[in-house]
Protein backbone atom coordinates (compact mmCIF):
# COMPACT_ATOMS: atom_id res chain seq x y z
CA UNK A 1 30.76 105.13 14.87
CA UNK A 2 32.14 104.69 18.39
CA UNK A 3 32.65 108.12 19.86
CA UNK A 4 36.26 107.07 20.86
CA UNK A 5 37.12 106.17 17.21
CA UNK A 6 35.45 109.52 16.01
CA UNK A 7 37.91 111.30 18.39
CA UNK A 8 40.90 109.32 17.37
CA UNK A 9 40.19 109.79 13.75
CA UNK A 10 39.81 113.51 14.09
CA UNK A 11 43.21 113.59 15.75
CA UNK A 12 44.79 111.79 12.82
CA UNK A 13 42.93 114.15 10.29
CA UNK A 14 44.40 117.19 11.87
CA UNK A 15 47.77 115.65 12.92
CA UNK A 16 50.56 118.20 13.29
CA UNK A 17 53.91 118.47 15.15
CA UNK A 18 52.01 120.39 17.91
CA UNK A 19 49.09 117.91 18.13
CA UNK A 20 51.72 115.19 18.88
CA UNK A 21 51.62 116.36 22.46
CA UNK A 22 48.05 114.61 22.82
CA UNK A 23 49.18 111.31 21.58
CA UNK A 24 48.68 110.00 25.29
CA UNK A 25 44.82 110.60 24.57
CA UNK A 26 45.03 108.28 21.39
CA UNK A 27 47.55 105.45 21.84
CA UNK A 28 47.92 103.18 24.70
CA UNK A 29 51.38 103.07 26.50
CA UNK A 30 52.02 99.79 25.17
CA UNK A 31 50.54 100.16 21.74
CA UNK A 32 52.08 98.42 18.70
CA UNK A 33 52.14 99.88 15.11
CA UNK A 34 53.05 98.07 11.91
CA UNK A 35 53.00 98.89 8.21
CA UNK A 36 55.00 97.48 5.26
CA UNK A 37 58.32 98.91 6.40
CA UNK A 38 58.29 98.26 10.35
CA UNK A 39 56.78 96.97 13.43
CA UNK A 40 57.00 99.46 16.39
CA UNK A 41 56.08 99.02 20.09
CA UNK A 42 55.21 101.60 22.45
CA UNK A 43 53.61 104.98 22.39
CA UNK A 44 56.88 106.73 22.73
CA UNK A 45 58.24 104.97 19.62
CA UNK A 46 55.07 105.66 17.73
CA UNK A 47 55.54 109.39 18.61
CA UNK A 48 59.01 109.30 17.42
CA UNK A 49 57.65 107.79 14.09
CA UNK A 50 55.35 110.57 13.67
CA UNK A 51 58.02 113.19 14.62
CA UNK A 52 60.33 111.77 11.79
CA UNK A 53 57.47 111.87 9.20
CA UNK A 54 57.19 115.68 10.04
CA UNK A 55 60.81 116.10 9.87
CA UNK A 56 61.35 114.32 6.47
CA UNK A 57 58.05 114.94 4.40
CA UNK A 58 56.56 118.36 3.46
CA UNK A 59 52.91 118.98 4.28
CA UNK A 60 52.00 115.43 5.28
CA UNK A 61 48.21 114.91 5.73
CA UNK A 62 45.76 112.04 6.32
CA UNK A 63 42.33 112.50 4.71
CA UNK A 64 39.85 109.73 6.21
CA UNK A 65 37.59 108.32 3.45
CA UNK A 66 35.63 105.69 5.19
CA UNK A 67 35.42 103.72 8.47
CA UNK A 68 33.77 100.45 9.44
CA UNK A 69 33.50 99.76 13.16
CA UNK A 70 32.67 96.66 14.87
CA UNK A 71 32.89 96.72 18.87
CA UNK A 72 36.52 97.84 19.80
CA UNK A 73 37.89 97.35 16.33
CA UNK A 74 37.59 99.57 13.06
CA UNK A 75 38.94 99.50 9.64
CA UNK A 76 39.66 102.93 8.08
CA UNK A 77 40.43 103.84 4.60
CA UNK A 78 42.52 107.03 3.97
CA UNK A 79 44.61 109.15 1.58
CA UNK A 80 48.04 110.23 2.71
CA UNK A 81 49.26 113.21 0.83
CA UNK A 82 52.86 114.74 1.19
CA UNK A 83 55.68 116.20 -0.78
CA UNK A 84 59.06 114.62 -1.20
CA UNK A 85 61.93 116.15 -2.80
CA UNK A 86 59.51 118.69 -4.15
CA UNK A 87 57.12 116.24 -5.85
CA UNK A 88 53.51 115.89 -4.45
CA UNK A 89 52.64 112.16 -3.60
CA UNK A 90 49.48 110.50 -2.63
CA UNK A 91 49.23 107.02 -1.13
CA UNK A 92 45.81 105.21 -0.79
CA UNK A 93 45.75 102.87 2.24
CA UNK A 94 43.75 101.46 5.20
CA UNK A 95 44.35 100.96 8.97
CA UNK A 96 43.17 98.27 11.22
CA UNK A 97 42.61 99.88 14.66
CA UNK A 98 41.94 97.90 17.99
CA UNK A 99 40.95 99.73 21.04
CA UNK A 100 42.02 98.54 24.69
CA UNK A 101 39.49 98.50 27.60
CA UNK A 102 40.42 102.24 28.18
CA UNK A 103 39.27 103.03 24.69
CA UNK A 104 42.93 103.80 23.46
CA UNK A 105 44.45 102.33 20.33
CA UNK A 106 46.44 99.22 21.33
CA UNK A 107 47.08 97.96 17.87
CA UNK A 108 47.44 99.96 14.59
CA UNK A 109 48.28 98.27 11.32
CA UNK A 110 48.71 100.26 8.21
CA UNK A 111 48.10 98.38 4.78
CA UNK A 112 49.31 100.25 1.64
CA UNK A 113 51.08 99.48 -1.53
CA UNK A 114 54.80 100.24 -0.73
CA UNK A 115 55.84 99.75 -4.34
CA UNK A 116 53.31 102.05 -5.81
CA UNK A 117 53.43 104.39 -2.89
CA UNK A 118 57.29 104.77 -2.24
CA UNK A 119 59.42 102.84 -4.36
CA UNK A 120 58.01 103.95 -7.77
CA UNK A 121 59.07 107.65 -6.70
CA UNK A 122 62.69 106.64 -6.69
CA UNK A 123 64.53 107.42 -9.90
CA UNK A 124 66.08 104.27 -10.87
CA UNK A 125 63.91 101.69 -8.85
CA UNK A 126 60.97 103.44 -10.01
CA UNK A 127 61.54 103.20 -13.66
CA UNK A 128 62.28 99.45 -13.02
CA UNK A 129 59.09 98.76 -11.20
CA UNK A 130 56.93 100.80 -13.60
CA UNK A 131 58.30 98.74 -16.52
CA UNK A 132 57.76 95.50 -14.67
CA UNK A 133 54.06 96.45 -13.96
CA UNK A 134 53.55 97.19 -17.61
CA UNK A 135 55.03 93.81 -18.56
CA UNK A 136 52.93 91.87 -16.02
CA UNK A 137 49.62 93.77 -17.07
């Protein structure tokens, strides 16, 4: 694995409110981030996203499962564990990361099941989604 990717993945695996100060060593100033809910432009906006994550969730943690690298691109599978409203949650997902010439993340795209990962945890909507899944299976 590319040593830059290894360093960046180590940062994600140990991400904390304190380690956010090092985001400039991981993301390019003009980096973009996208997931099923949003698209964000700029390292400062990405830092705010992580700050909100620590404010809203209890004990958020990324566990890196597998990484496949090809040049300046990598696809990483991960588990994201956290507690929300006192309930432990686990989301399985993946990220496509692309580095710039300086070895910083220029593009970060997350892929995960928003319905199973978030919506099913909501009281009314979750009940409906689980019922629909059973009907479609």
